[in-house]
């Protein structure tokens, strides 16, 4: 008897699936037709996330060291549209008078009622200082006849993380490394239609 009951339930489920699939194709506007776990731009509750890093004040090494202005974008505004809750990573490396400086920003945005967007962000700044070189190697490099001095192992200079709530305005975090100030702007905006 239990077996017969299972067979009837299985047959009823199979018939419902067969008839439901023949009823018509799903429209893109039908929110139930969009799989929640899909990696599509048309996914439910998309969020536009952007990050920008700006060097504030005089450039490190003085104005004769580089051509950049008083406020220069280290990382131009990079924006991407992702589903709510997906992690996005942005990174950029620059050369300083002391070596290479690498910035990495990870962002996760969650939408809340009332147009609020919660931003989880992680910032990591690492320096890789130049290795010691001889005077001759340095002069060849400065005259552009020799290679750039090698850099040593990376050292963590700044590591910060926070969770903030915004309503369309950017979250701004300022860090100072070796006398140079950097502003990290993190944007998150709901693009629900």
N, C-alpha and C. Protein backbone atom coordinates (compact mmCIF):
# COMPACT_ATOMS: atom_id res chain seq x y z
N UNK A 1 0.81 -1.19 0.00
CA UNK A 1 0.00 0.00 0.00
C UNK A 1 0.86 1.27 0.00
N UNK A 2 1.93 1.26 0.79
CA UNK A 2 2.85 2.39 0.82
C UNK A 2 3.51 2.59 -0.54
N UNK A 3 3.83 1.47 -1.17
CA UNK A 3 4.46 1.54 -2.48
C UNK A 3 3.50 2.17 -3.50
N UNK A 4 2.23 1.77 -3.46
CA UNK A 4 1.24 2.30 -4.39
C UNK A 4 1.04 3.80 -4.17
N UNK A 5 1.06 4.23 -2.92
CA UNK A 5 0.91 5.65 -2.59
C UNK A 5 2.09 6.46 -3.13
N UNK A 6 3.31 5.95 -2.97
CA UNK A 6 4.50 6.61 -3.51
C UNK A 6 4.43 6.73 -5.02
N UNK A 7 3.97 5.66 -5.68
CA UNK A 7 3.86 5.68 -7.14
C UNK A 7 2.87 6.73 -7.59
N UNK A 8 1.76 6.87 -6.90
CA UNK A 8 0.75 7.88 -7.26
C UNK A 8 1.30 9.30 -7.06
N UNK A 9 2.01 9.51 -5.96
CA UNK A 9 2.61 10.83 -5.70
C UNK A 9 3.66 11.15 -6.76
N UNK A 10 4.49 10.19 -7.10
CA UNK A 10 5.50 10.38 -8.14
C UNK A 10 4.85 10.69 -9.48
N UNK A 11 3.79 9.95 -9.83
CA UNK A 11 3.09 10.19 -11.09
C UNK A 11 2.46 11.58 -11.11
N UNK A 12 1.87 12.02 -10.00
CA UNK A 12 1.25 13.33 -9.94
C UNK A 12 2.30 14.44 -10.08
N UNK A 13 3.45 14.28 -9.44
CA UNK A 13 4.54 15.27 -9.55
C UNK A 13 5.08 15.32 -10.96
N UNK A 14 5.25 14.18 -11.57
CA UNK A 14 5.77 14.13 -12.95
C UNK A 14 4.80 14.80 -13.90
N UNK A 15 3.50 14.55 -13.73
CA UNK A 15 2.49 15.17 -14.59
C UNK A 15 2.48 16.69 -14.41
N UNK A 16 2.60 17.14 -13.17
CA UNK A 16 2.62 18.58 -12.91
C UNK A 16 3.84 19.24 -13.56
N UNK A 17 4.98 18.60 -13.47
CA UNK A 17 6.18 19.14 -14.10
C UNK A 17 6.05 19.17 -15.61
N UNK A 18 5.51 18.12 -16.19
CA UNK A 18 5.35 18.05 -17.64
C UNK A 18 4.38 19.12 -18.12
N UNK A 19 3.25 19.29 -17.44
CA UNK A 19 2.27 20.29 -17.84
C UNK A 19 2.76 21.70 -17.55
N UNK A 20 3.49 21.89 -16.48
CA UNK A 20 4.03 23.22 -16.16
C UNK A 20 5.06 23.67 -17.17
N UNK A 21 5.86 22.78 -17.69
CA UNK A 21 6.87 23.14 -18.69
C UNK A 21 6.23 23.44 -20.03
N UNK A 22 5.07 22.88 -20.33
CA UNK A 22 4.42 23.10 -21.60
C UNK A 22 3.54 24.34 -21.57
N UNK A 23 3.32 24.93 -20.41
CA UNK A 23 2.42 26.07 -20.29
C UNK A 23 2.96 27.29 -21.00
N UNK A 24 4.23 27.43 -21.19
CA UNK A 24 4.82 28.58 -21.87
C UNK A 24 6.18 28.89 -21.31
N UNK A 25 6.93 29.67 -22.05
CA UNK A 25 8.27 30.01 -21.58
C UNK A 25 8.19 31.15 -20.58
N UNK A 26 9.17 31.23 -19.72
CA UNK A 26 9.20 32.26 -18.69
C UNK A 26 9.69 33.56 -19.29
N UNK A 27 9.11 34.65 -18.86
CA UNK A 27 9.52 35.98 -19.32
C UNK A 27 10.63 36.50 -18.42
N UNK A 28 11.47 37.37 -19.01
CA UNK A 28 12.59 37.92 -18.24
C UNK A 28 12.10 38.78 -17.08
N UNK A 29 10.93 39.41 -17.25
CA UNK A 29 10.41 40.27 -16.19
C UNK A 29 9.80 39.47 -15.04
N UNK A 30 9.55 38.19 -15.26
CA UNK A 30 8.99 37.34 -14.22
C UNK A 30 10.08 37.02 -13.21
N UNK A 31 10.01 37.63 -12.02
CA UNK A 31 11.10 37.48 -11.05
C UNK A 31 11.28 36.04 -10.60
N UNK A 32 10.25 35.22 -10.67
CA UNK A 32 10.40 33.82 -10.27
C UNK A 32 11.13 33.01 -11.32
N UNK A 33 11.27 33.55 -12.55
CA UNK A 33 11.94 32.84 -13.62
C UNK A 33 13.45 33.02 -13.56
N UNK A 34 13.94 33.95 -12.75
CA UNK A 34 15.37 34.22 -12.68
C UNK A 34 15.96 33.42 -11.53
N UNK A 35 16.88 32.50 -11.81
CA UNK A 35 17.46 31.71 -10.73
C UNK A 35 18.26 32.59 -9.77
N UNK A 36 18.09 32.35 -8.49
CA UNK A 36 18.74 33.18 -7.48
C UNK A 36 20.25 33.00 -7.49
N UNK A 37 20.73 31.83 -7.85
CA UNK A 37 22.17 31.58 -7.80
C UNK A 37 22.87 31.81 -9.13
N UNK A 38 22.19 32.32 -10.14
CA UNK A 38 22.81 32.53 -11.45
C UNK A 38 23.79 33.70 -11.39
N UNK A 39 24.75 33.70 -12.25
CA UNK A 39 25.76 34.76 -12.33
C UNK A 39 25.45 35.67 -13.51
N UNK A 40 24.28 36.22 -13.58
CA UNK A 40 23.86 37.07 -14.68
C UNK A 40 23.74 38.51 -14.22
N UNK A 41 23.92 39.46 -15.17
CA UNK A 41 23.75 40.87 -14.84
C UNK A 41 22.29 41.20 -14.54
N UNK A 42 21.36 40.41 -15.09
CA UNK A 42 19.95 40.66 -14.88
C UNK A 42 19.45 40.02 -13.59
N UNK A 43 20.35 39.58 -12.76
CA UNK A 43 19.99 38.87 -11.53
C UNK A 43 19.20 39.78 -10.60
N UNK A 44 18.50 39.15 -9.66
CA UNK A 44 17.73 39.91 -8.68
C UNK A 44 18.64 40.81 -7.86
N UNK A 45 18.17 42.00 -7.56
CA UNK A 45 18.80 42.95 -6.66
C UNK A 45 20.26 43.26 -7.01
N UNK A 46 20.54 43.74 -8.21
CA UNK A 46 21.93 44.09 -8.54
C UNK A 46 22.38 45.34 -7.78
N UNK A 47 23.69 45.40 -7.53
CA UNK A 47 24.30 46.53 -6.83
C UNK A 47 25.50 46.97 -7.66
N UNK A 48 25.63 48.28 -7.85
CA UNK A 48 26.81 48.81 -8.53
C UNK A 48 27.82 49.20 -7.46
N UNK A 49 29.01 48.63 -7.56
CA UNK A 49 30.08 48.89 -6.60
C UNK A 49 31.23 49.57 -7.33
N UNK A 50 31.78 50.61 -6.72
CA UNK A 50 32.91 51.32 -7.32
C UNK A 50 33.92 51.65 -6.23
N UNK A 51 35.19 51.68 -6.62
CA UNK A 51 36.28 52.04 -5.71
C UNK A 51 37.21 53.00 -6.43
N UNK A 52 37.69 53.99 -5.69
CA UNK A 52 38.62 54.98 -6.23
C UNK A 52 39.65 55.27 -5.13
N UNK A 53 40.92 55.36 -5.50
CA UNK A 53 41.97 55.72 -4.54
C UNK A 53 42.66 56.97 -5.07
N UNK A 54 42.75 57.98 -4.19
CA UNK A 54 43.32 59.27 -4.57
C UNK A 54 44.45 59.62 -3.62
N UNK A 55 45.60 60.05 -4.18
CA UNK A 55 46.69 60.58 -3.35
C UNK A 55 46.37 62.03 -3.06
N UNK A 56 46.32 62.39 -1.78
CA UNK A 56 45.93 63.73 -1.36
C UNK A 56 47.17 64.49 -0.93
N UNK A 57 47.28 65.74 -1.37
CA UNK A 57 48.40 66.57 -0.96
C UNK A 57 49.57 66.43 -1.91
N UNK A 58 50.73 66.97 -1.51
CA UNK A 58 51.90 66.91 -2.40
C UNK A 58 52.36 65.48 -2.60
N UNK A 59 52.85 65.17 -3.80
CA UNK A 59 53.30 63.80 -4.07
C UNK A 59 54.49 63.43 -3.19
N UNK A 60 54.56 62.16 -2.89
CA UNK A 60 55.67 61.63 -2.11
C UNK A 60 56.96 61.84 -2.89
N UNK A 61 57.96 62.43 -2.30
CA UNK A 61 59.22 62.69 -2.99
C UNK A 61 59.30 64.11 -3.52
N UNK A 62 58.27 64.92 -3.31
CA UNK A 62 58.29 66.31 -3.75
C UNK A 62 57.82 66.47 -5.18
N UNK A 63 57.52 67.70 -5.60
CA UNK A 63 56.97 67.93 -6.93
C UNK A 63 57.95 67.62 -8.05
N UNK A 64 59.25 67.66 -7.81
CA UNK A 64 60.21 67.37 -8.88
C UNK A 64 60.30 65.87 -9.16
N UNK A 65 59.80 65.05 -8.24
CA UNK A 65 59.92 63.59 -8.41
C UNK A 65 58.98 63.05 -9.47
N UNK A 66 57.82 63.65 -9.60
CA UNK A 66 56.82 63.11 -10.51
C UNK A 66 55.98 64.23 -11.11
N UNK A 67 55.25 63.91 -12.16
CA UNK A 67 54.45 64.93 -12.83
C UNK A 67 53.04 65.04 -12.28
N UNK A 68 52.66 64.21 -11.30
CA UNK A 68 51.27 64.24 -10.89
C UNK A 68 50.94 65.51 -10.11
N UNK A 69 49.67 65.90 -10.19
CA UNK A 69 49.19 67.09 -9.54
C UNK A 69 49.02 66.87 -8.04
N UNK A 70 48.49 67.89 -7.33
CA UNK A 70 48.34 67.77 -5.89
C UNK A 70 47.42 66.61 -5.48
N UNK A 71 46.33 66.39 -6.21
CA UNK A 71 45.44 65.26 -5.94
C UNK A 71 45.39 64.40 -7.20
N UNK A 72 45.97 63.21 -7.12
CA UNK A 72 46.00 62.33 -8.29
C UNK A 72 45.31 61.03 -7.99
N UNK A 73 44.60 60.53 -8.98
CA UNK A 73 43.96 59.23 -8.82
C UNK A 73 45.01 58.14 -8.95
N UNK A 74 45.20 57.39 -7.88
CA UNK A 74 46.09 56.24 -7.90
C UNK A 74 45.36 55.09 -8.58
N UNK A 75 44.10 54.90 -8.20
CA UNK A 75 43.23 53.92 -8.85
C UNK A 75 42.03 54.68 -9.38
N UNK A 76 41.94 54.86 -10.72
CA UNK A 76 40.76 55.54 -11.26
C UNK A 76 39.50 54.80 -10.86
N UNK A 77 38.38 55.49 -10.90
CA UNK A 77 37.12 54.89 -10.48
C UNK A 77 36.82 53.65 -11.32
N UNK A 78 36.78 52.51 -10.66
CA UNK A 78 36.42 51.24 -11.29
C UNK A 78 35.05 50.86 -10.75
N UNK A 79 34.09 50.61 -11.65
CA UNK A 79 32.75 50.24 -11.22
C UNK A 79 32.34 48.93 -11.88
N UNK A 80 31.57 48.14 -11.13
CA UNK A 80 31.07 46.87 -11.63
C UNK A 80 29.70 46.63 -11.00
N UNK A 81 28.80 46.01 -11.78
CA UNK A 81 27.48 45.66 -11.27
C UNK A 81 27.47 44.18 -10.94
N UNK A 82 27.11 43.86 -9.71
CA UNK A 82 27.12 42.47 -9.23
C UNK A 82 25.84 42.19 -8.46
N UNK A 83 25.50 40.93 -8.29
CA UNK A 83 24.36 40.59 -7.44
C UNK A 83 24.63 40.95 -5.98
N UNK A 84 23.57 41.24 -5.26
CA UNK A 84 23.65 41.56 -3.84
C UNK A 84 24.41 40.47 -3.09
N UNK A 85 25.40 40.87 -2.30
CA UNK A 85 26.14 39.93 -1.46
C UNK A 85 27.37 39.32 -2.10
N UNK A 86 27.67 39.62 -3.37
CA UNK A 86 28.87 39.07 -4.01
C UNK A 86 30.09 39.92 -3.68
N UNK A 87 31.23 39.25 -3.46
CA UNK A 87 32.49 39.93 -3.15
C UNK A 87 33.16 40.39 -4.45
N UNK A 88 33.66 41.63 -4.42
CA UNK A 88 34.38 42.20 -5.56
C UNK A 88 35.74 42.67 -5.05
N UNK A 89 36.79 42.38 -5.80
CA UNK A 89 38.15 42.78 -5.42
C UNK A 89 38.71 43.76 -6.44
N UNK A 90 39.32 44.81 -5.94
CA UNK A 90 39.99 45.81 -6.76
C UNK A 90 41.43 45.89 -6.28
N UNK A 91 42.38 46.03 -7.21
CA UNK A 91 43.78 46.15 -6.80
C UNK A 91 44.54 47.04 -7.76
N UNK A 92 45.60 47.64 -7.24
CA UNK A 92 46.44 48.52 -8.05
C UNK A 92 47.80 48.62 -7.37
N UNK A 93 48.87 48.64 -8.14
CA UNK A 93 50.22 48.82 -7.61
C UNK A 93 50.84 50.05 -8.26
N UNK A 94 51.58 50.82 -7.45
CA UNK A 94 52.26 52.02 -7.95
C UNK A 94 53.72 51.96 -7.51
N UNK A 95 54.55 52.75 -8.18
CA UNK A 95 55.96 52.87 -7.79
C UNK A 95 56.13 54.14 -6.99
N UNK A 96 56.84 54.05 -5.88
CA UNK A 96 57.16 55.19 -5.04
C UNK A 96 58.68 55.32 -5.01
N UNK A 97 59.22 56.39 -4.45
CA UNK A 97 60.68 56.51 -4.36
C UNK A 97 61.32 55.39 -3.53
N UNK A 98 60.52 54.70 -2.71
CA UNK A 98 61.08 53.65 -1.85
C UNK A 98 60.82 52.24 -2.35
N UNK A 99 60.03 52.09 -3.43
CA UNK A 99 59.73 50.76 -3.94
C UNK A 99 58.33 50.69 -4.52
N UNK A 100 57.72 49.51 -4.45
CA UNK A 100 56.38 49.31 -5.00
C UNK A 100 55.37 49.28 -3.86
N UNK A 101 54.24 49.95 -4.08
CA UNK A 101 53.15 49.97 -3.09
C UNK A 101 51.92 49.38 -3.76
N UNK A 102 51.34 48.35 -3.14
CA UNK A 102 50.18 47.66 -3.71
C UNK A 102 48.97 47.90 -2.83
N UNK A 103 47.86 48.28 -3.46
CA UNK A 103 46.59 48.51 -2.78
C UNK A 103 45.63 47.39 -3.20
N UNK A 104 44.90 46.84 -2.25
CA UNK A 104 43.87 45.84 -2.54
C UNK A 104 42.65 46.18 -1.69
N UNK A 105 41.49 46.28 -2.35
CA UNK A 105 40.24 46.59 -1.66
C UNK A 105 39.22 45.53 -2.04
N UNK A 106 38.65 44.86 -1.05
CA UNK A 106 37.57 43.90 -1.25
C UNK A 106 36.29 44.52 -0.72
N UNK A 107 35.21 44.40 -1.50
CA UNK A 107 33.94 45.02 -1.13
C UNK A 107 32.80 44.03 -1.30
N UNK A 108 31.91 44.00 -0.32
CA UNK A 108 30.65 43.24 -0.40
C UNK A 108 29.55 44.21 -0.03
N UNK A 109 28.50 44.30 -0.87
CA UNK A 109 27.39 45.22 -0.60
C UNK A 109 26.11 44.42 -0.38
N UNK A 110 25.34 44.84 0.61
CA UNK A 110 24.05 44.23 0.92
C UNK A 110 23.00 45.34 0.96
N UNK A 111 21.88 45.13 0.28
CA UNK A 111 20.83 46.12 0.27
C UNK A 111 19.89 45.93 1.46
N UNK A 112 19.40 47.07 1.97
CA UNK A 112 18.47 47.07 3.10
C UNK A 112 17.28 47.96 2.75
N UNK A 113 16.18 47.84 3.48
CA UNK A 113 15.01 48.68 3.20
C UNK A 113 15.34 50.16 3.32
N UNK A 114 14.57 50.96 2.60
CA UNK A 114 14.74 52.41 2.67
C UNK A 114 15.87 52.94 1.82
N UNK A 115 16.40 52.15 0.91
CA UNK A 115 17.48 52.61 0.06
C UNK A 115 18.85 52.53 0.69
N UNK A 116 18.96 51.98 1.88
CA UNK A 116 20.26 51.84 2.54
C UNK A 116 21.05 50.69 1.91
N UNK A 117 22.34 50.89 1.79
CA UNK A 117 23.24 49.84 1.31
C UNK A 117 24.34 49.66 2.35
N UNK A 118 24.48 48.44 2.84
CA UNK A 118 25.53 48.11 3.81
C UNK A 118 26.77 47.69 3.03
N UNK A 119 27.90 48.31 3.34
CA UNK A 119 29.15 48.03 2.64
C UNK A 119 30.12 47.39 3.62
N UNK A 120 30.56 46.18 3.30
CA UNK A 120 31.66 45.54 4.03
C UNK A 120 32.90 45.74 3.18
N UNK A 121 33.94 46.35 3.72
CA UNK A 121 35.14 46.57 2.92
C UNK A 121 36.38 46.17 3.72
N UNK A 122 37.37 45.70 2.98
CA UNK A 122 38.68 45.34 3.53
C UNK A 122 39.74 46.05 2.70
N UNK A 123 40.66 46.72 3.37
CA UNK A 123 41.76 47.41 2.70
C UNK A 123 43.07 46.80 3.14
N UNK A 124 43.93 46.52 2.18
CA UNK A 124 45.27 46.02 2.47
C UNK A 124 46.26 46.79 1.61
N UNK A 125 47.24 47.42 2.25
CA UNK A 125 48.30 48.14 1.54
C UNK A 125 49.62 47.49 1.92
N UNK A 126 50.37 47.06 0.89
CA UNK A 126 51.66 46.40 1.12
C UNK A 126 52.75 47.16 0.37
N UNK A 127 53.89 47.28 1.00
CA UNK A 127 55.07 47.89 0.37
C UNK A 127 56.12 46.82 0.12
N UNK A 128 56.78 46.93 -1.01
CA UNK A 128 57.93 46.08 -1.32
C UNK A 128 59.10 47.03 -1.59
N UNK A 129 59.97 47.24 -0.60
CA UNK A 129 61.05 48.22 -0.76
C UNK A 129 62.11 47.74 -1.75
N UNK A 130 62.80 48.73 -2.34
CA UNK A 130 63.90 48.40 -3.25
C UNK A 130 65.01 47.70 -2.48
N UNK A 131 65.68 46.76 -3.14
CA UNK A 131 66.87 46.12 -2.59
C UNK A 131 68.02 47.13 -2.65
N UNK A 132 69.00 46.96 -1.81
CA UNK A 132 70.17 47.84 -1.80
C UNK A 132 70.96 47.63 -3.09
N UNK A 133 71.35 48.75 -3.73
CA UNK A 133 72.13 48.68 -4.97
C UNK A 133 73.40 49.51 -4.82
N UNK A 134 74.35 49.25 -5.68
CA UNK A 134 75.59 50.03 -5.64
C UNK A 134 75.35 51.37 -6.33
N UNK A 135 76.28 52.28 -6.14
CA UNK A 135 76.18 53.61 -6.75
C UNK A 135 76.17 53.49 -8.26
N UNK A 136 77.00 52.60 -8.81
CA UNK A 136 77.05 52.41 -10.26
C UNK A 136 75.73 51.89 -10.82
N UNK A 137 75.12 50.92 -10.15
CA UNK A 137 73.82 50.39 -10.60
C UNK A 137 72.74 51.46 -10.53
N UNK A 138 72.78 52.27 -9.48
CA UNK A 138 71.80 53.34 -9.33
C UNK A 138 71.95 54.36 -10.46
N UNK A 139 73.21 54.76 -10.75
CA UNK A 139 73.42 55.74 -11.82
C UNK A 139 72.98 55.19 -13.17
N UNK A 140 73.29 53.93 -13.45
CA UNK A 140 72.83 53.33 -14.71
C UNK A 140 71.30 53.33 -14.80
N UNK A 141 70.64 53.05 -13.69
CA UNK A 141 69.18 53.07 -13.68
C UNK A 141 68.66 54.48 -13.94
N UNK A 142 69.23 55.49 -13.25
CA UNK A 142 68.76 56.87 -13.41
C UNK A 142 69.01 57.40 -14.82
N UNK A 143 70.09 56.94 -15.46
CA UNK A 143 70.37 57.35 -16.83
C UNK A 143 69.62 56.50 -17.86
N UNK A 144 68.82 55.58 -17.36
CA UNK A 144 67.99 54.68 -18.17
C UNK A 144 68.82 53.71 -19.02
N UNK A 145 70.01 53.37 -18.53
CA UNK A 145 70.84 52.36 -19.17
C UNK A 145 70.78 51.03 -18.44
N UNK A 146 70.25 51.03 -17.25
CA UNK A 146 70.19 49.81 -16.45
C UNK A 146 68.76 49.52 -16.01
N UNK A 147 68.53 48.33 -15.50
CA UNK A 147 67.18 47.97 -15.07
C UNK A 147 66.80 48.66 -13.76
N UNK A 148 65.51 48.68 -13.50
CA UNK A 148 65.01 49.20 -12.22
C UNK A 148 65.52 48.30 -11.11
N UNK A 149 65.93 48.86 -9.98
CA UNK A 149 66.39 48.01 -8.87
C UNK A 149 65.30 47.00 -8.47
N UNK A 150 65.72 45.83 -8.04
CA UNK A 150 64.79 44.78 -7.61
C UNK A 150 64.11 45.20 -6.32
N UNK A 151 62.92 44.66 -6.10
CA UNK A 151 62.21 44.94 -4.85
C UNK A 151 62.29 43.72 -3.94
N UNK A 152 62.24 43.99 -2.66
CA UNK A 152 62.32 42.92 -1.67
C UNK A 152 60.95 42.34 -1.36
N UNK A 153 60.84 41.62 -0.29
CA UNK A 153 59.55 41.00 0.08
C UNK A 153 58.53 42.07 0.50
N UNK A 154 57.25 41.75 0.27
CA UNK A 154 56.18 42.68 0.62
C UNK A 154 55.98 42.72 2.13
N UNK A 155 55.69 43.92 2.62
CA UNK A 155 55.42 44.13 4.03
C UNK A 155 54.07 44.83 4.15
N UNK A 156 53.23 44.36 5.04
CA UNK A 156 51.92 44.97 5.24
C UNK A 156 52.12 46.32 5.93
N UNK A 157 51.61 47.38 5.32
CA UNK A 157 51.70 48.72 5.90
C UNK A 157 50.38 49.14 6.53
N UNK A 158 49.26 48.80 5.88
CA UNK A 158 47.94 49.16 6.39
C UNK A 158 47.01 47.99 6.15
N UNK A 159 46.23 47.66 7.16
CA UNK A 159 45.20 46.64 7.02
C UNK A 159 43.99 47.11 7.82
N UNK A 160 42.91 47.41 7.12
CA UNK A 160 41.71 47.91 7.79
C UNK A 160 40.48 47.22 7.21
N UNK A 161 39.45 47.15 8.02
CA UNK A 161 38.18 46.59 7.58
C UNK A 161 37.07 47.25 8.38
N UNK A 162 35.90 47.36 7.76
CA UNK A 162 34.78 47.98 8.45
C UNK A 162 33.49 47.59 7.74
N UNK A 163 32.38 47.82 8.43
CA UNK A 163 31.06 47.66 7.84
C UNK A 163 30.34 48.98 8.08
N UNK A 164 29.91 49.63 6.98
CA UNK A 164 29.23 50.93 7.08
C UNK A 164 27.93 50.86 6.28
N UNK A 165 27.01 51.74 6.60
CA UNK A 165 25.74 51.84 5.87
C UNK A 165 25.67 53.22 5.22
N UNK A 166 25.35 53.23 3.92
CA UNK A 166 25.26 54.49 3.19
C UNK A 166 23.92 54.56 2.45
N UNK A 167 23.61 55.75 1.95
CA UNK A 167 22.42 55.95 1.12
C UNK A 167 22.82 56.62 -0.18
N UNK A 168 23.77 56.03 -0.88
CA UNK A 168 24.19 56.56 -2.17
C UNK A 168 25.46 57.39 -2.13
N UNK A 169 25.84 57.89 -0.96
CA UNK A 169 27.06 58.67 -0.85
C UNK A 169 28.25 57.73 -0.68
N UNK A 170 29.44 58.18 -1.09
CA UNK A 170 30.61 57.30 -0.93
C UNK A 170 31.09 57.25 0.52
N UNK A 171 31.67 56.12 0.89
CA UNK A 171 32.35 56.02 2.17
C UNK A 171 33.82 56.37 1.91
N UNK A 172 34.38 57.28 2.69
CA UNK A 172 35.75 57.73 2.49
C UNK A 172 36.59 57.33 3.69
N UNK A 173 37.71 56.66 3.40
CA UNK A 173 38.67 56.25 4.43
C UNK A 173 40.01 56.89 4.07
N UNK A 174 40.67 57.54 5.03
CA UNK A 174 41.96 58.18 4.78
C UNK A 174 43.05 57.41 5.52
N UNK A 175 44.13 57.12 4.81
CA UNK A 175 45.29 56.47 5.43
C UNK A 175 46.53 57.30 5.09
N UNK A 176 47.51 57.26 5.98
CA UNK A 176 48.77 57.97 5.75
C UNK A 176 49.91 56.98 5.86
N UNK A 177 50.75 56.95 4.82
CA UNK A 177 51.89 56.05 4.79
C UNK A 177 53.12 56.87 4.41
N UNK A 178 54.12 56.90 5.26
CA UNK A 178 55.36 57.64 5.02
C UNK A 178 55.11 59.10 4.64
N UNK A 179 54.15 59.75 5.29
CA UNK A 179 53.88 61.15 5.02
C UNK A 179 52.96 61.40 3.83
N UNK A 180 52.59 60.41 3.09
CA UNK A 180 51.68 60.56 1.94
C UNK A 180 50.28 60.11 2.37
N UNK A 181 49.28 60.97 2.16
CA UNK A 181 47.91 60.63 2.51
C UNK A 181 47.19 60.10 1.27
N UNK A 182 46.39 59.06 1.50
CA UNK A 182 45.57 58.46 0.45
C UNK A 182 44.13 58.43 0.93
N UNK A 183 43.20 58.75 0.05
CA UNK A 183 41.78 58.62 0.33
C UNK A 183 41.24 57.46 -0.48
N UNK A 184 40.55 56.56 0.18
CA UNK A 184 39.92 55.43 -0.49
C UNK A 184 38.42 55.70 -0.47
N UNK A 185 37.82 55.83 -1.65
CA UNK A 185 36.40 56.09 -1.80
C UNK A 185 35.72 54.79 -2.22
N UNK A 186 34.74 54.34 -1.44
CA UNK A 186 34.01 53.12 -1.75
C UNK A 186 32.54 53.51 -1.96
N UNK A 187 32.01 53.20 -3.15
CA UNK A 187 30.64 53.53 -3.51
C UNK A 187 29.84 52.23 -3.64
N UNK A 188 28.58 52.25 -3.27
CA UNK A 188 27.66 51.14 -3.53
C UNK A 188 26.29 51.75 -3.74
N UNK A 189 25.67 51.37 -4.87
CA UNK A 189 24.39 51.96 -5.24
C UNK A 189 23.47 50.86 -5.76
N UNK A 190 22.26 50.84 -5.25
CA UNK A 190 21.27 49.86 -5.71
C UNK A 190 20.83 50.24 -7.12
N UNK A 191 20.78 49.25 -8.02
CA UNK A 191 20.31 49.51 -9.38
C UNK A 191 19.06 48.69 -9.66
N UNK A 192 18.25 48.48 -8.62
CA UNK A 192 16.97 47.77 -8.81
C UNK A 192 16.08 48.62 -9.69
N UNK A 193 15.40 47.97 -10.60
CA UNK A 193 14.49 48.69 -11.50
C UNK A 193 13.17 48.77 -10.94
